[in-house]
Each structure stands twice: as structure tokens, then as C-alpha cells.
Amino acid sequence: MQLRADSLRITFVDAAGARFTALDIPRLEAGCGDSLAITGPSGSGKSTLLYALAGLVDDLEGNVAWDETMLMRLPQTARDRWRRENAGFVFQDFHLIAELSPIENVLMPARFALFSASADLKARALNLLDELRVPIARKLSSQLSRGEQQRVAIARALLFDPPIILADEPTASLDAEAANDVSTLLTELAARSGKLVITVSHDERLIERCGARLALEHGRLKQHDVAAVL
């Protein structure tokens, strides 16, 4: 799947009534098999850009096109459906339900979208957990290590085999070994499975593994890799 974003701009009004620009990106392109790291200091607009590319920012100016789909022109329900079918999210804080088992957490998107999970989806969830080396015998996700919990979150993001993976600081709360494992998983997804992986991160080990880097400062491009930003 190909991404092309043009003239992305988000402007807010602060408590004093002054307007300020939170994001101003002239153009961004990426495609299948790419791994793109969005970097920059806290408050630079990294997560805002990630959510804008997913159609989660309503006051966004400009265009976000995934193949022929102009995301911001879709009504909200159609955008929600597009995300469910095309994008998997991985978050810093995992967003798991501690009282559920690993497989029940992986199957949560199916519960929301389909109200129940088919036998095929359950088999896929088990295969993903096995491939990601998650101990599926644990009855509660709270019994897993933090690295294992993040791998459950990655399995959940992959449940519907989306072409796009969006990750927001996926290694920030992990120890060095777990962070290395998650970094390897995410970058291999792009190379092995042909997915487009876009990651917001401060983790230089993860950033260095990505094929391109997009650095933001005050919502604007500081530097860029010409392979990803044209």
C-alpha cells in the first residue's frame, strides 16, 4: 500500500487565544516494505503526525492518500472501517486488558468488529502468539513480562494481517533486551512481509534499523531521508 500525504497542517489556539502550528509537513511518501522512523524531541509533533496519517485528527488540513483512498474525505464511520481493515496499532503502554488471557487480548479487535471470532481467526491468533514466543498458557496477561505484553500487542495489531503497522513509542517502557526483540520484530515485518511500518520513537537502536528517518522539530521537518519524503 502506498502513502502520499500533501500539505499536512494542524493549527491550534492556546489558552491566551494565540494561534500556533502543531504540524506543517509539505509532503510525505512511503510504500510497501518501507520502515519509516518519525523522530524528534517531546512535543515536536511525532505522535500527532502518526495519528494524522491514520485519519484520527479531525482538524487536519491537507490530504492523506492511501493508494486511491483519500482518508480525510471519508465520513467518520468509513474512516473507522478503513483503519480496522488496513492499519494495526502498537502503543507504548500496550493497552491490554490485564484480566484477559493473551489470546483473548489478541482477539479483541474481532470482538469489536465482528462480535465474535471465527475458528480461522482463533487459529491465526494462536499462530501469531507462537511465532512471537508468547507463553499462551498464561491465564492472565498481567502474568507476562513487559516484553511479552508488547509482543501480545504486536500480535493483536497483526490479527487481520493489515498492510500498515503504526507504532507509537513501542520500546519506550521496555528493558534493553525486550526493546531489541520488539525492534527486530517491527523492522522484519517490513522486510519479510512487505508491510509499511511507521514508528514514532526516541530509541536509536530501533531508529537505526529503519530504512528512513523523518525528524521533526516544532511540527516541521528538521531533516529527512529522500527515500521517504519527497
Protein backbone atom coordinates (compact mmCIF):
# COMPACT_ATOMS: atom_id res chain seq x y z
CA MET A 1 0.00 0.00 0.00
CA GLN A 2 1.32 3.44 -0.95
CA LEU A 3 1.10 6.52 1.25
CA ARG A 4 1.12 10.04 -0.08
CA ALA A 5 0.43 12.97 2.22
CA ASP A 6 0.40 16.56 0.98
CA SER A 7 0.29 19.91 2.77
CA LEU A 8 -0.47 18.48 6.21
CA ARG A 9 -1.16 21.28 8.65
CA ILE A 10 -2.72 21.45 12.10
CA THR A 11 -3.25 24.78 13.85
CA PHE A 12 -4.44 25.20 17.42
CA VAL A 13 -5.44 28.15 19.59
CA ASP A 14 -3.81 28.29 23.02
CA ALA A 15 -5.39 29.46 26.29
CA ALA A 16 -4.38 33.04 25.57
CA GLY A 17 -6.10 33.00 22.19
CA ALA A 18 -2.88 32.88 20.16
CA ARG A 19 -2.74 30.55 17.16
CA PHE A 20 0.18 28.17 16.75
CA THR A 21 1.05 25.49 14.23
CA ALA A 22 1.37 21.99 15.69
CA LEU A 23 2.17 20.29 12.38
CA ASP A 24 3.32 21.52 8.99
CA ILE A 25 4.51 18.80 6.58
CA PRO A 26 4.67 19.68 2.87
CA ARG A 27 4.84 16.14 1.51
CA LEU A 28 5.44 12.58 2.66
CA GLU A 29 5.58 9.38 0.63
CA ALA A 30 6.21 5.78 1.62
CA GLY A 31 5.17 2.36 0.39
CA CYS A 32 5.04 -1.39 0.91
CA GLY A 33 8.14 -2.83 2.51
CA ASP A 34 9.29 0.53 3.88
CA SER A 35 10.11 1.13 7.53
CA LEU A 36 9.97 4.80 8.50
CA ALA A 37 11.02 6.22 11.86
CA ILE A 38 9.50 9.53 13.00
CA THR A 39 11.89 11.18 15.44
CA GLY A 40 12.27 14.43 17.37
CA PRO A 41 12.09 15.85 20.89
CA SER A 42 8.99 15.60 23.05
CA GLY A 43 6.29 17.95 21.79
CA SER A 44 7.68 18.07 18.26
CA GLY A 45 4.53 16.60 16.69
CA LYS A 46 5.60 12.99 16.21
CA SER A 47 2.50 11.29 17.58
CA THR A 48 0.29 13.97 16.05
CA LEU A 49 1.70 13.11 12.63
CA LEU A 50 1.21 9.38 13.21
CA TYR A 51 -2.45 9.89 14.20
CA ALA A 52 -2.97 12.28 11.29
CA LEU A 53 -1.78 9.61 8.84
CA ALA A 54 -4.35 7.25 10.36
CA GLY A 55 -7.19 9.75 9.95
CA LEU A 56 -7.55 10.27 13.70
CA VAL A 57 -7.13 14.06 13.66
CA ASP A 58 -10.33 15.83 12.65
CA ASP A 59 -8.93 19.36 12.29
CA LEU A 60 -6.26 18.33 9.79
CA GLU A 61 -5.70 20.42 6.68
CA GLY A 62 -4.27 18.78 3.57
CA ASN A 63 -4.59 15.33 2.06
CA VAL A 64 -3.69 11.83 3.24
CA ALA A 65 -3.98 9.26 0.45
CA TRP A 66 -3.50 5.53 0.93
CA ASP A 67 -3.46 4.12 -2.60
CA GLU A 68 -6.60 5.70 -4.08
CA THR A 69 -8.33 6.31 -0.75
CA MET A 70 -8.43 9.97 0.29
CA LEU A 71 -8.71 9.30 4.00
CA MET A 72 -9.89 12.70 5.25
CA ARG A 73 -12.68 12.82 2.66
CA LEU A 74 -14.32 9.74 4.17
CA PRO A 75 -17.06 10.10 6.78
CA GLN A 76 -16.01 9.04 10.28
CA THR A 77 -17.62 5.59 10.12
CA ALA A 78 -15.88 4.84 6.81
CA ARG A 79 -12.56 6.01 8.25
CA ASP A 80 -13.05 3.71 11.23
CA ARG A 81 -13.74 0.80 8.90
CA TRP A 82 -10.69 1.64 6.77
CA ARG A 83 -8.43 1.62 9.87
CA ARG A 84 -9.87 -1.67 11.07
CA GLU A 85 -9.16 -3.28 7.70
CA ASN A 86 -5.82 -1.67 6.85
CA ALA A 87 -3.89 -0.45 9.91
CA GLY A 88 -2.62 -2.17 13.04
CA PHE A 89 -1.58 -0.03 16.02
CA VAL A 90 1.15 -0.76 18.55
CA PHE A 91 1.34 1.54 21.60
CA GLN A 92 3.93 2.21 24.28
CA ASP A 93 1.51 1.21 27.08
CA PHE A 94 0.28 -1.95 25.30
CA HIS A 95 -3.45 -1.25 26.01
CA LEU A 96 -4.02 -4.84 27.06
CA ILE A 97 -6.78 -5.93 29.44
CA ALA A 98 -4.84 -7.41 32.34
CA GLU A 99 -7.64 -9.78 33.38
CA LEU A 100 -7.81 -11.42 29.94
CA SER A 101 -5.52 -14.11 28.60
CA PRO A 102 -3.00 -13.37 25.81
CA ILE A 103 -5.21 -14.91 23.12
CA GLU A 104 -8.30 -13.07 24.38
CA ASN A 105 -6.39 -9.79 24.09
CA VAL A 106 -5.24 -10.62 20.57
CA LEU A 107 -8.83 -11.39 19.56
CA MET A 108 -10.25 -8.12 20.94
CA PRO A 109 -10.35 -6.38 17.51
CA ALA A 110 -12.52 -9.23 16.23
CA ARG A 111 -14.88 -8.84 19.17
CA PHE A 112 -15.30 -5.14 18.37
CA ALA A 113 -15.60 -5.58 14.60
CA LEU A 114 -17.40 -8.90 14.28
CA PHE A 115 -18.81 -9.51 17.78
CA SER A 116 -17.21 -12.97 17.69
CA ALA A 117 -14.02 -14.58 16.39
CA SER A 118 -14.12 -17.33 13.79
CA ALA A 119 -12.17 -20.56 14.15
CA ASP A 120 -9.77 -19.29 11.47
CA LEU A 121 -9.12 -16.08 13.40
CA LYS A 122 -8.55 -18.02 16.61
CA ALA A 123 -6.06 -20.24 14.81
CA ARG A 124 -4.30 -17.19 13.39
CA ALA A 125 -4.12 -15.61 16.86
CA LEU A 126 -2.53 -18.77 18.28
CA ASN A 127 -0.05 -18.92 15.41
CA LEU A 128 0.92 -15.27 15.93
CA LEU A 129 1.46 -15.76 19.65
CA ASP A 130 3.54 -18.86 18.96
CA GLU A 131 5.61 -17.06 16.32
CA LEU A 132 6.19 -14.14 18.70
CA ARG A 133 7.19 -16.51 21.52
CA VAL A 134 4.40 -15.56 23.92
CA PRO A 135 3.62 -18.19 26.61
CA ILE A 136 -0.01 -18.81 25.70
CA ALA A 137 -0.63 -20.99 28.74
CA ARG A 138 -0.75 -17.89 30.97
CA LYS A 139 -4.35 -17.26 32.01
CA LEU A 140 -3.84 -13.55 32.65
CA SER A 141 -1.88 -11.07 30.55
CA SER A 142 -0.78 -9.45 33.80
CA GLN A 143 1.35 -12.56 34.41
CA LEU A 144 3.50 -11.76 31.37
CA SER A 145 6.71 -9.73 31.37
CA ARG A 146 6.52 -6.28 29.81
CA GLY A 147 8.33 -7.51 26.71
CA GLU A 148 5.87 -10.39 26.38
CA GLN A 149 2.95 -7.98 26.82
CA GLN A 150 4.28 -5.83 23.99
CA ARG A 151 4.56 -8.91 21.78
CA VAL A 152 0.90 -9.67 22.57
CA ALA A 153 0.09 -6.12 21.45
CA ILE A 154 2.01 -6.69 18.21
CA ALA A 155 0.12 -9.96 17.62
CA ARG A 156 -3.15 -8.07 18.17
CA ALA A 157 -2.09 -5.45 15.61
CA LEU A 158 -1.38 -8.24 13.10
CA LEU A 159 -4.63 -10.17 13.64
CA PHE A 160 -6.31 -9.01 10.41
CA ASP A 161 -2.97 -9.03 8.52
CA PRO A 162 -3.08 -5.28 7.79
CA PRO A 163 -0.70 -3.82 5.19
CA ILE A 164 0.16 -0.92 7.54
CA ILE A 165 1.63 -1.04 11.06
CA LEU A 166 1.67 2.22 13.07
CA ALA A 167 3.72 2.12 16.28
CA ASP A 168 3.87 4.89 18.90
CA GLU A 169 6.98 4.59 21.12
CA PRO A 170 6.75 0.76 21.13
CA THR A 171 10.02 0.20 23.04
CA ALA A 172 9.96 3.16 25.44
CA SER A 173 8.90 1.21 28.53
CA LEU A 174 10.91 -1.95 27.87
CA ASP A 175 14.30 -3.10 29.12
CA ALA A 176 17.18 -3.33 26.65
CA GLU A 177 16.67 -6.99 25.73
CA ALA A 178 12.90 -6.69 25.26
CA ALA A 179 13.34 -3.43 23.31
CA ASN A 180 15.80 -5.16 21.00
CA ASP A 181 13.34 -8.01 20.40
CA VAL A 182 10.50 -5.61 19.59
CA SER A 183 12.75 -3.53 17.31
CA THR A 184 13.71 -6.66 15.41
CA LEU A 185 10.08 -7.76 15.07
CA LEU A 186 8.87 -4.43 13.71
CA THR A 187 11.66 -3.90 11.18
CA GLU A 188 11.46 -7.50 9.98
CA LEU A 189 7.74 -7.07 9.34
CA ALA A 190 8.50 -4.53 6.65
CA ALA A 191 11.30 -6.56 5.09
CA ARG A 192 9.74 -10.01 5.33
CA SER A 193 6.03 -9.34 4.93
CA GLY A 194 6.08 -6.28 2.69
CA LYS A 195 4.17 -4.18 5.23
CA LEU A 196 4.63 -0.44 5.62
CA VAL A 197 5.81 0.15 9.19
CA ILE A 198 5.79 3.72 10.56
CA THR A 199 7.24 4.09 14.05
CA VAL A 200 7.43 7.06 16.41
CA SER A 201 10.48 6.54 18.60
CA HIS A 202 13.31 8.01 20.66
CA ASP A 203 15.08 4.63 20.62
CA GLU A 204 18.21 4.98 18.47
CA ARG A 205 18.55 1.19 18.18
CA LEU A 206 15.11 0.99 16.60
CA ILE A 207 15.58 4.13 14.53
CA GLU A 208 18.86 2.87 13.05
CA ARG A 209 17.13 -0.29 11.83
CA CYS A 210 14.51 1.64 9.89
CA GLY A 211 15.08 2.32 6.23
CA ALA A 212 14.34 6.04 6.54
CA ARG A 213 14.12 8.69 9.22
CA LEU A 214 11.84 11.71 9.39
CA ALA A 215 12.96 14.19 12.06
CA LEU A 216 10.51 16.78 13.37
CA GLU A 217 11.05 19.96 15.34
CA HIS A 218 8.12 22.19 16.32
CA GLY A 219 5.91 20.25 13.91
CA ARG A 220 8.16 20.84 10.90
CA LEU A 221 10.74 18.80 9.06
CA LYS A 222 14.21 19.16 10.51
CA GLN A 223 15.85 16.67 8.19
CA HIS A 224 14.59 13.88 6.01
CA ASP A 225 15.54 10.86 4.02
CA VAL A 226 14.75 11.43 0.33
CA ALA A 227 13.61 7.82 0.00
CA ALA A 228 10.63 8.56 2.23
CA VAL A 229 9.97 12.28 1.94
CA LEU A 230 9.87 13.96 -1.47
